[in-house]
Amino acid sequence: MDRQRATRKLTRYLGSDIDTWSERFRGALTDPGARLAKLIPRRRPRIIDQSFR
């Protein structure tokens, strides 16, 4: 796992102060077995206007 890339992604959601992150996120940055996953849907999402008429 690219540590710099993972840090950028996690900083976006957890904040810039790494010391305040949960141990499970901080530990993943140093765990050699950790991986980043890219989720790709099988089909495009169906978008339906559900606004009140």
PDB file of N, CA and C in Angstrom:
ATOM      1  N   MET A   1       0.857  -1.176   0.000  1.00  0.00           N
ATOM      2  CA  MET A   1       0.000   0.000   0.000  1.00  0.00           C
ATOM      3  C   MET A   1       0.897   1.232   0.000  1.00  0.00           C
ATOM      4  N   ASP A   2       0.543   2.194  -0.799  1.00  0.00           N
ATOM      5  CA  ASP A   2       1.268   3.460  -0.856  1.00  0.00           C
ATOM      6  C   ASP A   2       0.849   4.311   0.346  1.00  0.00           C
ATOM      7  N   ARG A   3       1.760   4.476   1.298  1.00  0.00           N
ATOM      8  CA  ARG A   3       1.437   5.179   2.552  1.00  0.00           C
ATOM      9  C   ARG A   3       0.995   6.624   2.314  1.00  0.00           C
ATOM     10  N   GLN A   4       1.672   7.330   1.413  1.00  0.00           N
ATOM     11  CA  GLN A   4       1.304   8.725   1.154  1.00  0.00           C
ATOM     12  C   GLN A   4      -0.102   8.830   0.565  1.00  0.00           C
ATOM     13  N   ARG A   5      -0.425   7.929  -0.347  1.00  0.00           N
ATOM     14  CA  ARG A   5      -1.758   7.956  -0.950  1.00  0.00           C
ATOM     15  C   ARG A   5      -2.832   7.635   0.078  1.00  0.00           C
ATOM     16  N   ALA A   6      -2.577   6.628   0.908  1.00  0.00           N
ATOM     17  CA  ALA A   6      -3.537   6.258   1.945  1.00  0.00           C
ATOM     18  C   ALA A   6      -3.732   7.412   2.933  1.00  0.00           C
ATOM     19  N   THR A   7      -2.663   8.088   3.291  1.00  0.00           N
ATOM     20  CA  THR A   7      -2.751   9.217   4.213  1.00  0.00           C
ATOM     21  C   THR A   7      -3.596  10.335   3.612  1.00  0.00           C
ATOM     22  N   ARG A   8      -3.404  10.618   2.329  1.00  0.00           N
ATOM     23  CA  ARG A   8      -4.212  11.652   1.657  1.00  0.00           C
ATOM     24  C   ARG A   8      -5.688  11.286   1.682  1.00  0.00           C
ATOM     25  N   LYS A   9      -6.005  10.038   1.366  1.00  0.00           N
ATOM     26  CA  LYS A   9      -7.413   9.605   1.351  1.00  0.00           C
ATOM     27  C   LYS A   9      -8.032   9.673   2.742  1.00  0.00           C
ATOM     28  N   LEU A  10      -7.319   9.163   3.740  1.00  0.00           N
ATOM     29  CA  LEU A  10      -7.866   9.152   5.097  1.00  0.00           C
ATOM     30  C   LEU A  10      -7.969  10.561   5.680  1.00  0.00           C
ATOM     31  N   THR A  11      -7.040  11.433   5.343  1.00  0.00           N
ATOM     32  CA  THR A  11      -7.074  12.815   5.837  1.00  0.00           C
ATOM     33  C   THR A  11      -8.338  13.518   5.366  1.00  0.00           C
ATOM     34  N   ARG A  12      -8.798  13.173   4.190  1.00  0.00           N
ATOM     35  CA  ARG A  12     -10.009  13.787   3.639  1.00  0.00           C
ATOM     36  C   ARG A  12     -11.220  13.515   4.534  1.00  0.00           C
ATOM     37  N   TYR A  13     -11.260  12.345   5.161  1.00  0.00           N
ATOM     38  CA  TYR A  13     -12.423  11.948   5.960  1.00  0.00           C
ATOM     39  C   TYR A  13     -12.198  12.020   7.471  1.00  0.00           C
ATOM     40  N   LEU A  14     -10.946  11.849   7.916  1.00  0.00           N
ATOM     41  CA  LEU A  14     -10.677  11.780   9.350  1.00  0.00           C
ATOM     42  C   LEU A  14     -10.022  13.041   9.918  1.00  0.00           C
ATOM     43  N   GLY A  15      -9.656  13.975   9.065  1.00  0.00           N
ATOM     44  CA  GLY A  15      -9.014  15.200   9.523  1.00  0.00           C
ATOM     45  C   GLY A  15      -7.504  15.127   9.373  1.00  0.00           C
ATOM     46  N   SER A  16      -6.848  16.254   9.483  1.00  0.00           N
ATOM     47  CA  SER A  16      -5.417  16.319   9.209  1.00  0.00           C
ATOM     48  C   SER A  16      -4.536  15.881  10.377  1.00  0.00           C
ATOM     49  N   ASP A  17      -5.081  15.833  11.590  1.00  0.00           N
ATOM     50  CA  ASP A  17      -4.291  15.438  12.759  1.00  0.00           C
ATOM     51  C   ASP A  17      -4.333  13.917  12.924  1.00  0.00           C
ATOM     52  N   ILE A  18      -3.282  13.255  12.482  1.00  0.00           N
ATOM     53  CA  ILE A  18      -3.229  11.789  12.510  1.00  0.00           C
ATOM     54  C   ILE A  18      -3.301  11.251  13.937  1.00  0.00           C
ATOM     55  N   ASP A  19      -2.833  12.010  14.903  1.00  0.00           N
ATOM     56  CA  ASP A  19      -2.851  11.557  16.304  1.00  0.00           C
ATOM     57  C   ASP A  19      -4.275  11.367  16.843  1.00  0.00           C
ATOM     58  N   THR A  20      -5.261  12.006  16.240  1.00  0.00           N
ATOM     59  CA  THR A  20      -6.646  11.871  16.712  1.00  0.00           C
ATOM     60  C   THR A  20      -7.382  10.719  16.021  1.00  0.00           C
ATOM     61  N   TRP A  21      -6.764  10.096  15.027  1.00  0.00           N
ATOM     62  CA  TRP A  21      -7.384   8.978  14.323  1.00  0.00           C
ATOM     63  C   TRP A  21      -7.462   7.760  15.220  1.00  0.00           C
ATOM     64  N   SER A  22      -8.451   6.928  14.983  1.00  0.00           N
ATOM     65  CA  SER A  22      -8.572   5.653  15.687  1.00  0.00           C
ATOM     66  C   SER A  22      -7.343   4.788  15.368  1.00  0.00           C
ATOM     67  N   GLU A  23      -6.969   3.932  16.293  1.00  0.00           N
ATOM     68  CA  GLU A  23      -5.787   3.083  16.116  1.00  0.00           C
ATOM     69  C   GLU A  23      -5.909   2.176  14.888  1.00  0.00           C
ATOM     70  N   ARG A  24      -7.121   1.771  14.546  1.00  0.00           N
ATOM     71  CA  ARG A  24      -7.269   0.880  13.382  1.00  0.00           C
ATOM     72  C   ARG A  24      -6.862   1.567  12.089  1.00  0.00           C
ATOM     73  N   PHE A  25      -7.015   2.901  12.010  1.00  0.00           N
ATOM     74  CA  PHE A  25      -6.596   3.624  10.815  1.00  0.00           C
ATOM     75  C   PHE A  25      -5.101   3.932  10.858  1.00  0.00           C
ATOM     76  N   ARG A  26      -4.604   4.339  12.004  1.00  0.00           N
ATOM     77  CA  ARG A  26      -3.166   4.607  12.131  1.00  0.00           C
ATOM     78  C   ARG A  26      -2.355   3.336  11.945  1.00  0.00           C
ATOM     79  N   GLY A  27      -2.852   2.216  12.479  1.00  0.00           N
ATOM     80  CA  GLY A  27      -2.147   0.954  12.349  1.00  0.00           C
ATOM     81  C   GLY A  27      -2.088   0.466  10.910  1.00  0.00           C
ATOM     82  N   ALA A  28      -3.112   0.760  10.137  1.00  0.00           N
ATOM     83  CA  ALA A  28      -3.143   0.329   8.736  1.00  0.00           C
ATOM     84  C   ALA A  28      -2.039   1.001   7.920  1.00  0.00           C
ATOM     85  N   LEU A  29      -1.609   2.186   8.335  1.00  0.00           N
ATOM     86  CA  LEU A  29      -0.556   2.888   7.593  1.00  0.00           C
ATOM     87  C   LEU A  29       0.798   2.198   7.714  1.00  0.00           C
ATOM     88  N   THR A  30       1.011   1.455   8.793  1.00  0.00           N
ATOM     89  CA  THR A  30       2.296   0.783   8.999  1.00  0.00           C
ATOM     90  C   THR A  30       2.212  -0.727   8.808  1.00  0.00           C
ATOM     91  N   ASP A  31       1.017  -1.268   8.652  1.00  0.00           N
ATOM     92  CA  ASP A  31       0.829  -2.714   8.482  1.00  0.00           C
ATOM     93  C   ASP A  31       1.223  -3.114   7.060  1.00  0.00           C
ATOM     94  N   PRO A  32       2.230  -3.987   6.896  1.00  0.00           N
ATOM     95  CA  PRO A  32       2.636  -4.373   5.538  1.00  0.00           C
ATOM     96  C   PRO A  32       1.578  -5.195   4.798  1.00  0.00           C
ATOM     97  N   GLY A  33       0.622  -5.763   5.512  1.00  0.00           N
ATOM     98  CA  GLY A  33      -0.432  -6.549   4.879  1.00  0.00           C
ATOM     99  C   GLY A  33      -1.652  -5.739   4.478  1.00  0.00           C
ATOM    100  N   ALA A  34      -1.675  -4.448   4.811  1.00  0.00           N
ATOM    101  CA  ALA A  34      -2.834  -3.593   4.508  1.00  0.00           C
ATOM    102  C   ALA A  34      -2.895  -3.301   3.009  1.00  0.00           C
ATOM    103  N   ARG A  35      -4.106  -3.207   2.489  1.00  0.00           N
ATOM    104  CA  ARG A  35      -4.325  -2.931   1.069  1.00  0.00           C
ATOM    105  C   ARG A  35      -5.411  -1.881   0.908  1.00  0.00           C
ATOM    106  N   LEU A  36      -5.321  -1.132  -0.184  1.00  0.00           N
ATOM    107  CA  LEU A  36      -6.394  -0.230  -0.581  1.00  0.00           C
ATOM    108  C   LEU A  36      -7.263  -0.975  -1.588  1.00  0.00           C
ATOM    109  N   ALA A  37      -8.557  -0.819  -1.500  1.00  0.00           N
ATOM    110  CA  ALA A  37      -9.476  -1.501  -2.412  1.00  0.00           C
ATOM    111  C   ALA A  37     -10.241  -0.474  -3.237  1.00  0.00           C
ATOM    112  N   LYS A  38     -10.396  -0.771  -4.499  1.00  0.00           N
ATOM    113  CA  LYS A  38     -11.206   0.069  -5.381  1.00  0.00           C
ATOM    114  C   LYS A  38     -12.466  -0.714  -5.706  1.00  0.00           C
ATOM    115  N   LEU A  39     -13.610  -0.170  -5.347  1.00  0.00           N
ATOM    116  CA  LEU A  39     -14.887  -0.838  -5.583  1.00  0.00           C
ATOM    117  C   LEU A  39     -15.499  -0.310  -6.872  1.00  0.00           C
ATOM    118  N   ILE A  40     -15.791  -1.221  -7.777  1.00  0.00           N
ATOM    119  CA  ILE A  40     -16.364  -0.857  -9.067  1.00  0.00           C
ATOM    120  C   ILE A  40     -17.726  -1.554  -9.191  1.00  0.00           C
ATOM    121  N   PRO A  41     -18.822  -0.780  -9.325  1.00  0.00           N
ATOM    122  CA  PRO A  41     -20.142  -1.406  -9.439  1.00  0.00           C
ATOM    123  C   PRO A  41     -20.276  -2.166 -10.753  1.00  0.00           C
ATOM    124  N   ARG A  42     -21.103  -3.216 -10.736  1.00  0.00           N
ATOM    125  CA  ARG A  42     -21.326  -4.008 -11.948  1.00  0.00           C
ATOM    126  C   ARG A  42     -22.115  -3.230 -13.000  1.00  0.00           C
ATOM    127  N   ARG A  43     -23.002  -2.394 -12.530  1.00  0.00           N
ATOM    128  CA  ARG A  43     -23.788  -1.585 -13.468  1.00  0.00           C
ATOM    129  C   ARG A  43     -23.905  -0.170 -12.912  1.00  0.00           C
ATOM    130  N   ARG A  44     -24.268   0.741 -13.784  1.00  0.00           N
ATOM    131  CA  ARG A  44     -24.430   2.132 -13.373  1.00  0.00           C
ATOM    132  C   ARG A  44     -25.617   2.253 -12.434  1.00  0.00           C
ATOM    133  N   PRO A  45     -25.523   3.126 -11.437  1.00  0.00           N
ATOM    134  CA  PRO A  45     -26.673   3.301 -10.533  1.00  0.00           C
ATOM    135  C   PRO A  45     -27.846   3.937 -11.276  1.00  0.00           C
ATOM    136  N   ARG A  46     -29.054   3.503 -10.914  1.00  0.00           N
ATOM    137  CA  ARG A  46     -30.267   4.082 -11.478  1.00  0.00           C
ATOM    138  C   ARG A  46     -30.650   5.288 -10.653  1.00  0.00           C
ATOM    139  N   ILE A  47     -30.747   6.411 -11.291  1.00  0.00           N
ATOM    140  CA  ILE A  47     -31.089   7.656 -10.596  1.00  0.00           C
ATOM    141  C   ILE A  47     -32.541   8.003 -10.928  1.00  0.00           C
ATOM    142  N   ILE A  48     -33.362   8.101  -9.892  1.00  0.00           N
ATOM    143  CA  ILE A  48     -34.785   8.360 -10.072  1.00  0.00           C
ATOM    144  C   ILE A  48     -35.140   9.625  -9.279  1.00  0.00           C
ATOM    145  N   ASP A  49     -35.869  10.507  -9.916  1.00  0.00           N
ATOM    146  CA  ASP A  49     -36.329  11.722  -9.224  1.00  0.00           C
ATOM    147  C   ASP A  49     -37.464  11.340  -8.281  1.00  0.00           C
ATOM    148  N   GLN A  50     -37.220  11.432  -6.986  1.00  0.00           N
ATOM    149  CA  GLN A  50     -38.229  11.080  -6.005  1.00  0.00           C
ATOM    150  C   GLN A  50     -38.729  12.314  -5.245  1.00  0.00           C
ATOM    151  N   SER A  51     -38.651  13.445  -5.897  1.00  0.00           N
ATOM    152  CA  SER A  51     -39.118  14.661  -5.256  1.00  0.00           C
ATOM    153  C   SER A  51     -40.654  14.652  -5.168  1.00  0.00           C
ATOM    154  N   PHE A  52     -41.160  15.382  -4.232  1.00  0.00           N
ATOM    155  CA  PHE A  52     -42.615  15.462  -4.028  1.00  0.00           C
ATOM    156  C   PHE A  52     -43.260  16.179  -5.197  1.00  0.00           C
ATOM    157  N   ARG A  53     -44.336  15.611  -5.692  1.00  0.00           N
ATOM    158  CA  ARG A  53     -45.038  16.257  -6.822  1.00  0.00           C
ATOM    159  C   ARG A  53     -46.287  16.916  -6.351  1.00  0.00           C
TER     160      ARG A  53
END
